[in-house]
Amino acid sequence: NSEFGVELDSLADIVSLGVAPALLFYSLEAPTVFTTIAFMLFPTMGALRLAKFNVKPTKGYFMGLPITAAGLVMAAMGIFLYSNAFVTFLLSILMVTPVRIKKL
């Protein structure tokens, strides 16, 4: 319930839902310039998205794709040992777009 707890939770989300999937999928994909950029962009955009939410929380909707939803897509791809830099790039961009997504 404290500000420290909110920041610590966001840091844990960045590591578990941003950095870990990016490292896993980068190891599955053949290294190219595009894959390197896509898999570096994923945790970076996830951190920016969480920072924006911590500064300006929203009620009833998310501004941009939540990192938990993006991480869920990455986990679904991981079940099938599938790695796609384009999907990762798309998820990264969706996390910081000003699109409103209704909370469930």
PDB file of N, CA and C in Angstrom:
ATOM      1  N   ASN A   1       0.807  -1.199   0.000  1.00  0.00           N
ATOM      2  CA  ASN A   1       0.000   0.000   0.000  1.00  0.00           C
ATOM      3  C   ASN A   1       0.851   1.265   0.000  1.00  0.00           C
ATOM      4  N   SER A   2       2.149   1.127   0.179  1.00  0.00           N
ATOM      5  CA  SER A   2       3.013   2.300   0.217  1.00  0.00           C
ATOM      6  C   SER A   2       3.574   2.601  -1.172  1.00  0.00           C
ATOM      7  N   GLU A   3       4.140   3.788  -1.332  1.00  0.00           N
ATOM      8  CA  GLU A   3       4.776   4.142  -2.609  1.00  0.00           C
ATOM      9  C   GLU A   3       5.952   3.223  -2.902  1.00  0.00           C
ATOM     10  N   PHE A   4       6.680   2.851  -1.852  1.00  0.00           N
ATOM     11  CA  PHE A   4       7.809   1.933  -2.028  1.00  0.00           C
ATOM     12  C   PHE A   4       7.326   0.592  -2.580  1.00  0.00           C
ATOM     13  N   GLY A   5       6.215   0.092  -2.071  1.00  0.00           N
ATOM     14  CA  GLY A   5       5.655  -1.173  -2.543  1.00  0.00           C
ATOM     15  C   GLY A   5       5.228  -1.111  -3.999  1.00  0.00           C
ATOM     16  N   VAL A   6       4.649   0.015  -4.395  1.00  0.00           N
ATOM     17  CA  VAL A   6       4.231   0.195  -5.786  1.00  0.00           C
ATOM     18  C   VAL A   6       5.447   0.155  -6.712  1.00  0.00           C
ATOM     19  N   GLU A   7       6.504   0.860  -6.340  1.00  0.00           N
ATOM     20  CA  GLU A   7       7.713   0.885  -7.165  1.00  0.00           C
ATOM     21  C   GLU A   7       8.397  -0.478  -7.207  1.00  0.00           C
ATOM     22  N   LEU A   8       8.419  -1.168  -6.074  1.00  0.00           N
ATOM     23  CA  LEU A   8       9.031  -2.495  -6.020  1.00  0.00           C
ATOM     24  C   LEU A   8       8.243  -3.490  -6.864  1.00  0.00           C
ATOM     25  N   ASP A   9       6.919  -3.391  -6.836  1.00  0.00           N
ATOM     26  CA  ASP A   9       6.085  -4.255  -7.659  1.00  0.00           C
ATOM     27  C   ASP A   9       6.344  -4.003  -9.141  1.00  0.00           C
ATOM     28  N   SER A  10       6.485  -2.745  -9.523  1.00  0.00           N
ATOM     29  CA  SER A  10       6.778  -2.422 -10.920  1.00  0.00           C
ATOM     30  C   SER A  10       8.137  -2.962 -11.340  1.00  0.00           C
ATOM     31  N   LEU A  11       9.120  -2.867 -10.467  1.00  0.00           N
ATOM     32  CA  LEU A  11      10.446  -3.406 -10.774  1.00  0.00           C
ATOM     33  C   LEU A  11      10.386  -4.921 -10.958  1.00  0.00           C
ATOM     34  N   ALA A  12       9.617  -5.594 -10.110  1.00  0.00           N
ATOM     35  CA  ALA A  12       9.462  -7.045 -10.249  1.00  0.00           C
ATOM     36  C   ALA A  12       8.757  -7.392 -11.560  1.00  0.00           C
ATOM     37  N   ASP A  13       7.760  -6.585 -11.935  1.00  0.00           N
ATOM     38  CA  ASP A  13       7.060  -6.813 -13.206  1.00  0.00           C
ATOM     39  C   ASP A  13       7.995  -6.634 -14.397  1.00  0.00           C
ATOM     40  N   ILE A  14       8.850  -5.637 -14.337  1.00  0.00           N
ATOM     41  CA  ILE A  14       9.789  -5.408 -15.443  1.00  0.00           C
ATOM     42  C   ILE A  14      10.714  -6.607 -15.616  1.00  0.00           C
ATOM     43  N   VAL A  15      11.203  -7.135 -14.515  1.00  0.00           N
ATOM     44  CA  VAL A  15      12.137  -8.262 -14.593  1.00  0.00           C
ATOM     45  C   VAL A  15      11.419  -9.539 -15.026  1.00  0.00           C
ATOM     46  N   SER A  16      10.278  -9.839 -14.385  1.00  0.00           N
ATOM     47  CA  SER A  16       9.615 -11.113 -14.665  1.00  0.00           C
ATOM     48  C   SER A  16       8.817 -11.116 -15.960  1.00  0.00           C
ATOM     49  N   LEU A  17       8.240  -9.988 -16.350  1.00  0.00           N
ATOM     50  CA  LEU A  17       7.401  -9.946 -17.544  1.00  0.00           C
ATOM     51  C   LEU A  17       8.048  -9.214 -18.714  1.00  0.00           C
ATOM     52  N   GLY A  18       9.205  -8.601 -18.498  1.00  0.00           N
ATOM     53  CA  GLY A  18       9.888  -7.878 -19.563  1.00  0.00           C
ATOM     54  C   GLY A  18      11.235  -8.467 -19.913  1.00  0.00           C
ATOM     55  N   VAL A  19      12.138  -8.470 -18.961  1.00  0.00           N
ATOM     56  CA  VAL A  19      13.514  -8.916 -19.227  1.00  0.00           C
ATOM     57  C   VAL A  19      13.591 -10.427 -19.427  1.00  0.00           C
ATOM     58  N   ALA A  20      12.955 -11.204 -18.562  1.00  0.00           N
ATOM     59  CA  ALA A  20      13.047 -12.667 -18.659  1.00  0.00           C
ATOM     60  C   ALA A  20      12.498 -13.199 -19.988  1.00  0.00           C
ATOM     61  N   PRO A  21      11.288 -12.789 -20.424  1.00  0.00           N
ATOM     62  CA  PRO A  21      10.825 -13.288 -21.732  1.00  0.00           C
ATOM     63  C   PRO A  21      11.705 -12.825 -22.886  1.00  0.00           C
ATOM     64  N   ALA A  22      12.198 -11.599 -22.811  1.00  0.00           N
ATOM     65  CA  ALA A  22      13.050 -11.094 -23.894  1.00  0.00           C
ATOM     66  C   ALA A  22      14.336 -11.917 -24.002  1.00  0.00           C
ATOM     67  N   LEU A  23      14.943 -12.231 -22.884  1.00  0.00           N
ATOM     68  CA  LEU A  23      16.159 -13.054 -22.921  1.00  0.00           C
ATOM     69  C   LEU A  23      15.878 -14.453 -23.428  1.00  0.00           C
ATOM     70  N   LEU A  24      14.776 -15.037 -22.980  1.00  0.00           N
ATOM     71  CA  LEU A  24      14.423 -16.383 -23.407  1.00  0.00           C
ATOM     72  C   LEU A  24      14.198 -16.433 -24.918  1.00  0.00           C
ATOM     73  N   PHE A  25      13.421 -15.500 -25.428  1.00  0.00           N
ATOM     74  CA  PHE A  25      13.088 -15.538 -26.843  1.00  0.00           C
ATOM     75  C   PHE A  25      14.226 -15.069 -27.726  1.00  0.00           C
ATOM     76  N   TYR A  26      15.081 -14.230 -27.203  1.00  0.00           N
ATOM     77  CA  TYR A  26      16.255 -13.836 -27.973  1.00  0.00           C
ATOM     78  C   TYR A  26      17.172 -15.048 -28.171  1.00  0.00           C
ATOM     79  N   SER A  27      17.202 -15.936 -27.176  1.00  0.00           N
ATOM     80  CA  SER A  27      18.036 -17.140 -27.309  1.00  0.00           C
ATOM     81  C   SER A  27      17.436 -18.131 -28.304  1.00  0.00           C
ATOM     82  N   LEU A  28      16.120 -18.042 -28.570  1.00  0.00           N
ATOM     83  CA  LEU A  28      15.481 -18.956 -29.522  1.00  0.00           C
ATOM     84  C   LEU A  28      15.593 -18.477 -30.967  1.00  0.00           C
ATOM     85  N   GLU A  29      15.743 -17.182 -31.155  1.00  0.00           N
ATOM     86  CA  GLU A  29      15.738 -16.576 -32.491  1.00  0.00           C
ATOM     87  C   GLU A  29      17.169 -16.398 -32.998  1.00  0.00           C
ATOM     88  N   ALA A  30      17.353 -16.521 -34.302  1.00  0.00           N
ATOM     89  CA  ALA A  30      18.665 -16.276 -34.907  1.00  0.00           C
ATOM     90  C   ALA A  30      18.997 -14.789 -34.754  1.00  0.00           C
ATOM     91  N   PRO A  31      20.183 -14.460 -34.273  1.00  0.00           N
ATOM     92  CA  PRO A  31      20.504 -13.048 -34.027  1.00  0.00           C
ATOM     93  C   PRO A  31      20.674 -12.242 -35.314  1.00  0.00           C
ATOM     94  N   THR A  32      19.835 -11.225 -35.445  1.00  0.00           N
ATOM     95  CA  THR A  32      19.949 -10.247 -36.519  1.00  0.00           C
ATOM     96  C   THR A  32      19.795  -8.867 -35.879  1.00  0.00           C
ATOM     97  N   VAL A  33      19.942  -7.841 -36.653  1.00  0.00           N
ATOM     98  CA  VAL A  33      19.782  -6.490 -36.134  1.00  0.00           C
ATOM     99  C   VAL A  33      18.339  -6.273 -35.668  1.00  0.00           C
ATOM    100  N   PHE A  34      17.364  -6.746 -36.464  1.00  0.00           N
ATOM    101  CA  PHE A  34      15.957  -6.568 -36.106  1.00  0.00           C
ATOM    102  C   PHE A  34      15.594  -7.315 -34.826  1.00  0.00           C
ATOM    103  N   THR A  35      16.068  -8.551 -34.670  1.00  0.00           N
ATOM    104  CA  THR A  35      15.751  -9.295 -33.447  1.00  0.00           C
ATOM    105  C   THR A  35      16.401  -8.644 -32.232  1.00  0.00           C
ATOM    106  N   THR A  36      17.598  -8.154 -32.391  1.00  0.00           N
ATOM    107  CA  THR A  36      18.268  -7.479 -31.279  1.00  0.00           C
ATOM    108  C   THR A  36      17.485  -6.245 -30.845  1.00  0.00           C
ATOM    109  N   ILE A  37      17.049  -5.441 -31.803  1.00  0.00           N
ATOM    110  CA  ILE A  37      16.275  -4.237 -31.478  1.00  0.00           C
ATOM    111  C   ILE A  37      14.941  -4.615 -30.852  1.00  0.00           C
ATOM    112  N   ALA A  38      14.250  -5.593 -31.431  1.00  0.00           N
ATOM    113  CA  ALA A  38      12.934  -5.988 -30.921  1.00  0.00           C
ATOM    114  C   ALA A  38      13.021  -6.505 -29.492  1.00  0.00           C
ATOM    115  N   PHE A  39      14.003  -7.331 -29.205  1.00  0.00           N
ATOM    116  CA  PHE A  39      14.086  -7.921 -27.882  1.00  0.00           C
ATOM    117  C   PHE A  39      14.722  -6.987 -26.854  1.00  0.00           C
ATOM    118  N   MET A  40      15.378  -5.925 -27.281  1.00  0.00           N
ATOM    119  CA  MET A  40      15.817  -4.881 -26.352  1.00  0.00           C
ATOM    120  C   MET A  40      14.684  -3.892 -26.091  1.00  0.00           C
ATOM    121  N   LEU A  41      13.854  -3.705 -27.092  1.00  0.00           N
ATOM    122  CA  LEU A  41      12.746  -2.764 -26.987  1.00  0.00           C
ATOM    123  C   LEU A  41      11.656  -3.267 -26.046  1.00  0.00           C
ATOM    124  N   PHE A  42      11.437  -4.570 -25.997  1.00  0.00           N
ATOM    125  CA  PHE A  42      10.348  -5.126 -25.192  1.00  0.00           C
ATOM    126  C   PHE A  42      10.449  -4.747 -23.707  1.00  0.00           C
ATOM    127  N   PRO A  43      11.555  -5.033 -23.013  1.00  0.00           N
ATOM    128  CA  PRO A  43      11.610  -4.627 -21.598  1.00  0.00           C
ATOM    129  C   PRO A  43      11.678  -3.116 -21.419  1.00  0.00           C
ATOM    130  N   THR A  44      12.267  -2.412 -22.382  1.00  0.00           N
ATOM    131  CA  THR A  44      12.362  -0.954 -22.286  1.00  0.00           C
ATOM    132  C   THR A  44      10.982  -0.315 -22.355  1.00  0.00           C
ATOM    133  N   MET A  45      10.176  -0.724 -23.320  1.00  0.00           N
ATOM    134  CA  MET A  45       8.829  -0.176 -23.449  1.00  0.00           C
ATOM    135  C   MET A  45       7.944  -0.628 -22.288  1.00  0.00           C
ATOM    136  N   GLY A  46       8.186  -1.830 -21.785  1.00  0.00           N
ATOM    137  CA  GLY A  46       7.453  -2.291 -20.601  1.00  0.00           C
ATOM    138  C   GLY A  46       7.756  -1.420 -19.393  1.00  0.00           C
ATOM    139  N   ALA A  47       9.015  -1.033 -19.230  1.00  0.00           N
ATOM    140  CA  ALA A  47       9.402  -0.156 -18.114  1.00  0.00           C
ATOM    141  C   ALA A  47       8.779   1.225 -18.278  1.00  0.00           C
ATOM    142  N   LEU A  48       8.767   1.742 -19.507  1.00  0.00           N
ATOM    143  CA  LEU A  48       8.131   3.043 -19.753  1.00  0.00           C
ATOM    144  C   LEU A  48       6.637   2.994 -19.480  1.00  0.00           C
ATOM    145  N   ARG A  49       6.003   1.915 -19.867  1.00  0.00           N
ATOM    146  CA  ARG A  49       4.574   1.761 -19.636  1.00  0.00           C
ATOM    147  C   ARG A  49       4.264   1.719 -18.141  1.00  0.00           C
ATOM    148  N   LEU A  50       5.045   0.967 -17.386  1.00  0.00           N
ATOM    149  CA  LEU A  50       4.838   0.896 -15.936  1.00  0.00           C
ATOM    150  C   LEU A  50       5.132   2.232 -15.262  1.00  0.00           C
ATOM    151  N   ALA A  51       6.133   2.942 -15.742  1.00  0.00           N
ATOM    152  CA  ALA A  51       6.450   4.255 -15.170  1.00  0.00           C
ATOM    153  C   ALA A  51       5.312   5.236 -15.413  1.00  0.00           C
ATOM    154  N   LYS A  52       4.744   5.227 -16.623  1.00  0.00           N
ATOM    155  CA  LYS A  52       3.615   6.102 -16.915  1.00  0.00           C
ATOM    156  C   LYS A  52       2.421   5.773 -16.023  1.00  0.00           C
ATOM    157  N   PHE A  53       2.186   4.488 -15.791  1.00  0.00           N
ATOM    158  CA  PHE A  53       1.053   4.084 -14.949  1.00  0.00           C
ATOM    159  C   PHE A  53       1.281   4.491 -13.501  1.00  0.00           C
ATOM    160  N   ASN A  54       2.522   4.374 -13.021  1.00  0.00           N
ATOM    161  CA  ASN A  54       2.812   4.756 -11.635  1.00  0.00           C
ATOM    162  C   ASN A  54       2.654   6.257 -11.417  1.00  0.00           C
ATOM    163  N   VAL A  55       2.989   7.052 -12.419  1.00  0.00           N
ATOM    164  CA  VAL A  55       2.879   8.500 -12.303  1.00  0.00           C
ATOM    165  C   VAL A  55       1.428   8.948 -12.425  1.00  0.00           C
ATOM    166  N   LYS A  56       0.699   8.335 -13.368  1.00  0.00           N
ATOM    167  CA  LYS A  56      -0.679   8.747 -13.628  1.00  0.00           C
ATOM    168  C   LYS A  56      -1.572   7.508 -13.745  1.00  0.00           C
ATOM    169  N   PRO A  57      -2.014   6.953 -12.605  1.00  0.00           N
ATOM    170  CA  PRO A  57      -2.881   5.771 -12.656  1.00  0.00           C
ATOM    171  C   PRO A  57      -4.228   6.104 -13.301  1.00  0.00           C
ATOM    172  N   THR A  58      -4.836   5.101 -13.916  1.00  0.00           N
ATOM    173  CA  THR A  58      -6.132   5.283 -14.567  1.00  0.00           C
ATOM    174  C   THR A  58      -7.176   4.427 -13.867  1.00  0.00           C
ATOM    175  N   LYS A  59      -8.417   4.854 -13.950  1.00  0.00           N
ATOM    176  CA  LYS A  59      -9.535   4.108 -13.353  1.00  0.00           C
ATOM    177  C   LYS A  59     -10.423   3.591 -14.473  1.00  0.00           C
ATOM    178  N   GLY A  60     -10.679   2.294 -14.495  1.00  0.00           N
ATOM    179  CA  GLY A  60     -11.600   1.710 -15.460  1.00  0.00           C
ATOM    180  C   GLY A  60     -10.999   1.323 -16.793  1.00  0.00           C
ATOM    181  N   TYR A  61      -9.784   1.767 -17.068  1.00  0.00           N
ATOM    182  CA  TYR A  61      -9.153   1.419 -18.330  1.00  0.00           C
ATOM    183  C   TYR A  61      -7.630   1.473 -18.178  1.00  0.00           C
ATOM    184  N   PHE A  62      -6.953   0.817 -19.100  1.00  0.00           N
ATOM    185  CA  PHE A  62      -5.495   0.888 -19.186  1.00  0.00           C
ATOM    186  C   PHE A  62      -5.145   1.802 -20.347  1.00  0.00           C
ATOM    187  N   MET A  63      -4.101   2.570 -20.200  1.00  0.00           N
ATOM    188  CA  MET A  63      -3.600   3.381 -21.303  1.00  0.00           C
ATOM    189  C   MET A  63      -2.425   2.618 -21.904  1.00  0.00           C
ATOM    190  N   GLY A  64      -2.663   1.958 -23.024  1.00  0.00           N
ATOM    191  CA  GLY A  64      -1.655   1.095 -23.628  1.00  0.00           C
ATOM    192  C   GLY A  64      -1.830  -0.333 -23.139  1.00  0.00           C
ATOM    193  N   LEU A  65      -1.233  -1.252 -23.833  1.00  0.00           N
ATOM    194  CA  LEU A  65      -1.311  -2.663 -23.472  1.00  0.00           C
ATOM    195  C   LEU A  65      -0.539  -2.908 -22.177  1.00  0.00           C
ATOM    196  N   PRO A  66      -1.163  -3.498 -21.156  1.00  0.00           N
ATOM    197  CA  PRO A  66      -0.434  -3.778 -19.913  1.00  0.00           C
ATOM    198  C   PRO A  66       0.696  -4.784 -20.144  1.00  0.00           C
ATOM    199  N   ILE A  67       1.759  -4.639 -19.381  1.00  0.00           N
ATOM    200  CA  ILE A  67       2.901  -5.535 -19.541  1.00  0.00           C
ATOM    201  C   ILE A  67       2.513  -6.973 -19.185  1.00  0.00           C
ATOM    202  N   THR A  68       1.511  -7.141 -18.326  1.00  0.00           N
ATOM    203  CA  THR A  68       1.060  -8.499 -17.998  1.00  0.00           C
ATOM    204  C   THR A  68       0.426  -9.170 -19.214  1.00  0.00           C
ATOM    205  N   ALA A  69      -0.334  -8.425 -20.006  1.00  0.00           N
ATOM    206  CA  ALA A  69      -0.934  -8.992 -21.217  1.00  0.00           C
ATOM    207  C   ALA A  69       0.137  -9.299 -22.258  1.00  0.00           C
ATOM    208  N   ALA A  70       1.102  -8.396 -22.395  1.00  0.00           N
ATOM    209  CA  ALA A  70       2.196  -8.635 -23.335  1.00  0.00           C
ATOM    210  C   ALA A  70       3.017  -9.850 -22.893  1.00  0.00           C
ATOM    211  N   GLY A  71       3.250  -9.961 -21.592  1.00  0.00           N
ATOM    212  CA  GLY A  71       3.976 -11.115 -21.072  1.00  0.00           C
ATOM    213  C   GLY A  71       3.212 -12.409 -21.272  1.00  0.00           C
ATOM    214  N   LEU A  72       1.871 -12.339 -21.204  1.00  0.00           N
ATOM    215  CA  LEU A  72       1.046 -13.519 -21.440  1.00  0.00           C
ATOM    216  C   LEU A  72       1.172 -13.993 -22.887  1.00  0.00           C
ATOM    217  N   VAL A  73       1.208 -13.062 -23.823  1.00  0.00           N
ATOM    218  CA  VAL A  73       1.399 -13.426 -25.233  1.00  0.00           C
ATOM    219  C   VAL A  73       2.773 -14.060 -25.427  1.00  0.00           C
ATOM    220  N   MET A  74       3.780 -13.482 -24.796  1.00  0.00           N
ATOM    221  CA  MET A  74       5.138 -14.045 -24.899  1.00  0.00           C
ATOM    222  C   MET A  74       5.185 -15.449 -24.286  1.00  0.00           C
ATOM    223  N   ALA A  75       4.485 -15.644 -23.168  1.00  0.00           N
ATOM    224  CA  ALA A  75       4.455 -16.963 -22.533  1.00  0.00           C
ATOM    225  C   ALA A  75       3.732 -17.975 -23.416  1.00  0.00           C
ATOM    226  N   ALA A  76       2.654 -17.539 -24.062  1.00  0.00           N
ATOM    227  CA  ALA A  76       1.935 -18.437 -24.970  1.00  0.00           C
ATOM    228  C   ALA A  76       2.830 -18.860 -26.129  1.00  0.00           C
ATOM    229  N   MET A  77       3.626 -17.924 -26.641  1.00  0.00           N
ATOM    230  CA  MET A  77       4.571 -18.284 -27.704  1.00  0.00           C
ATOM    231  C   MET A  77       5.634 -19.237 -27.164  1.00  0.00           C
ATOM    232  N   GLY A  78       6.032 -19.034 -25.914  1.00  0.00           N
ATOM    233  CA  GLY A  78       7.064 -19.873 -25.314  1.00  0.00           C
ATOM    234  C   GLY A  78       6.639 -21.314 -25.121  1.00  0.00           C
ATOM    235  N   ILE A  79       5.350 -21.531 -24.908  1.00  0.00           N
ATOM    236  CA  ILE A  79       4.856 -22.903 -24.751  1.00  0.00           C
ATOM    237  C   ILE A  79       5.183 -23.728 -25.988  1.00  0.00           C
ATOM    238  N   PHE A  80       5.120 -23.086 -27.149  1.00  0.00           N
ATOM    239  CA  PHE A  80       5.379 -23.779 -28.407  1.00  0.00           C
ATOM    240  C   PHE A  80       6.796 -23.561 -28.923  1.00  0.00           C
ATOM    241  N   LEU A  81       7.666 -23.014 -28.069  1.00  0.00           N
ATOM    242  CA  LEU A  81       9.045 -22.708 -28.439  1.00  0.00           C
ATOM    243  C   LEU A  81       9.094 -21.889 -29.731  1.00  0.00           C
ATOM    244  N   TYR A  82       8.180 -20.945 -29.834  1.00  0.00           N
ATOM    245  CA  TYR A  82       8.066 -20.078 -31.000  1.00  0.00           C
ATOM    246  C   TYR A  82       8.566 -18.692 -30.622  1.00  0.00           C
ATOM    247  N   SER A  83       9.399 -18.123 -31.451  1.00  0.00           N
ATOM    248  CA  SER A  83       9.925 -16.789 -31.209  1.00  0.00           C
ATOM    249  C   SER A  83       9.772 -15.974 -32.475  1.00  0.00           C
ATOM    250  N   ASN A  84       9.177 -14.790 -32.352  1.00  0.00           N
ATOM    251  CA  ASN A  84       8.959 -13.947 -33.510  1.00  0.00           C
ATOM    252  C   ASN A  84       9.287 -12.518 -33.128  1.00  0.00           C
ATOM    253  N   ALA A  85      10.290 -11.962 -33.764  1.00  0.00           N
ATOM    254  CA  ALA A  85      10.727 -10.605 -33.441  1.00  0.00           C
ATOM    255  C   ALA A  85       9.672  -9.576 -33.832  1.00  0.00           C
ATOM    256  N   PHE A  86       8.904  -9.822 -34.902  1.00  0.00           N
ATOM    257  CA  PHE A  86       7.868  -8.875 -35.315  1.00  0.00           C
ATOM    258  C   PHE A  86       6.768  -8.784 -34.264  1.00  0.00           C
ATOM    259  N   VAL A  87       6.331  -9.916 -33.727  1.00  0.00           N
ATOM    260  CA  VAL A  87       5.303  -9.920 -32.685  1.00  0.00           C
ATOM    261  C   VAL A  87       5.834  -9.203 -31.440  1.00  0.00           C
ATOM    262  N   THR A  88       7.079  -9.447 -31.098  1.00  0.00           N
ATOM    263  CA  THR A  88       7.692  -8.785 -29.947  1.00  0.00           C
ATOM    264  C   THR A  88       7.763  -7.277 -30.162  1.00  0.00           C
ATOM    265  N   PHE A  89       8.123  -6.852 -31.362  1.00  0.00           N
ATOM    266  CA  PHE A  89       8.172  -5.432 -31.691  1.00  0.00           C
ATOM    267  C   PHE A  89       6.773  -4.820 -31.606  1.00  0.00           C
ATOM    268  N   LEU A  90       5.778  -5.506 -32.122  1.00  0.00           N
ATOM    269  CA  LEU A  90       4.396  -5.032 -32.084  1.00  0.00           C
ATOM    270  C   LEU A  90       3.897  -4.899 -30.643  1.00  0.00           C
ATOM    271  N   LEU A  91       4.175  -5.887 -29.809  1.00  0.00           N
ATOM    272  CA  LEU A  91       3.777  -5.814 -28.396  1.00  0.00           C
ATOM    273  C   LEU A  91       4.468  -4.648 -27.697  1.00  0.00           C
ATOM    274  N   SER A  92       5.723  -4.416 -28.037  1.00  0.00           N
ATOM    275  CA  SER A  92       6.470  -3.300 -27.437  1.00  0.00           C
ATOM    276  C   SER A  92       5.820  -1.967 -27.763  1.00  0.00           C
ATOM    277  N   ILE A  93       5.453  -1.789 -29.020  1.00  0.00           N
ATOM    278  CA  ILE A  93       4.819  -0.540 -29.445  1.00  0.00           C
ATOM    279  C   ILE A  93       3.439  -0.390 -28.810  1.00  0.00           C
ATOM    280  N   LEU A  94       2.681  -1.476 -28.732  1.00  0.00           N
ATOM    281  CA  LEU A  94       1.344  -1.405 -28.141  1.00  0.00           C
ATOM    282  C   LEU A  94       1.368  -1.029 -26.657  1.00  0.00           C
ATOM    283  N   MET A  95       2.460  -1.345 -25.976  1.00  0.00           N
ATOM    284  CA  MET A  95       2.541  -1.009 -24.554  1.00  0.00           C
ATOM    285  C   MET A  95       2.632   0.493 -24.312  1.00  0.00           C
ATOM    286  N   VAL A  96       3.139   1.257 -25.259  1.00  0.00           N
ATOM    287  CA  VAL A  96       3.310   2.697 -25.042  1.00  0.00           C
ATOM    288  C   VAL A  96       2.376   3.556 -25.898  1.00  0.00           C
ATOM    289  N   THR A  97       1.512   2.933 -26.689  1.00  0.00           N
ATOM    290  CA  THR A  97       0.563   3.708 -27.478  1.00  0.00           C
ATOM    291  C   THR A  97      -0.536   4.259 -26.570  1.00  0.00           C
ATOM    292  N   PRO A  98      -1.149   5.373 -26.962  1.00  0.00           N
ATOM    293  CA  PRO A  98      -2.203   5.959 -26.123  1.00  0.00           C
ATOM    294  C   PRO A  98      -3.579   5.325 -26.336  1.00  0.00           C
ATOM    295  N   VAL A  99      -3.615   4.048 -26.624  1.00  0.00           N
ATOM    296  CA  VAL A  99      -4.875   3.337 -26.840  1.00  0.00           C
ATOM    297  C   VAL A  99      -5.469   2.959 -25.487  1.00  0.00           C
ATOM    298  N   ARG A 100      -6.747   3.222 -25.312  1.00  0.00           N
ATOM    299  CA  ARG A 100      -7.423   2.832 -24.066  1.00  0.00           C
ATOM    300  C   ARG A 100      -7.930   1.406 -24.177  1.00  0.00           C
ATOM    301  N   ILE A 101      -7.589   0.612 -23.183  1.00  0.00           N
ATOM    302  CA  ILE A 101      -8.039  -0.784 -23.122  1.00  0.00           C
ATOM    303  C   ILE A 101      -8.821  -0.922 -21.816  1.00  0.00           C
ATOM    304  N   LYS A 102     -10.080  -1.351 -21.937  1.00  0.00           N
ATOM    305  CA  LYS A 102     -10.947  -1.462 -20.769  1.00  0.00           C
ATOM    306  C   LYS A 102     -10.444  -2.535 -19.813  1.00  0.00           C
ATOM    307  N   LYS A 103     -10.452  -2.233 -18.524  1.00  0.00           N
ATOM    308  CA  LYS A 103     -10.068  -3.205 -17.506  1.00  0.00           C
ATOM    309  C   LYS A 103     -11.172  -4.243 -17.367  1.00  0.00           C
ATOM    310  N   LEU A 104     -10.788  -5.476 -17.130  1.00  0.00           N
ATOM    311  CA  LEU A 104     -11.783  -6.546 -16.935  1.00  0.00           C
ATOM    312  C   LEU A 104     -12.240  -6.619 -15.510  1.00  0.00           C
TER     313      LEU A 104
END
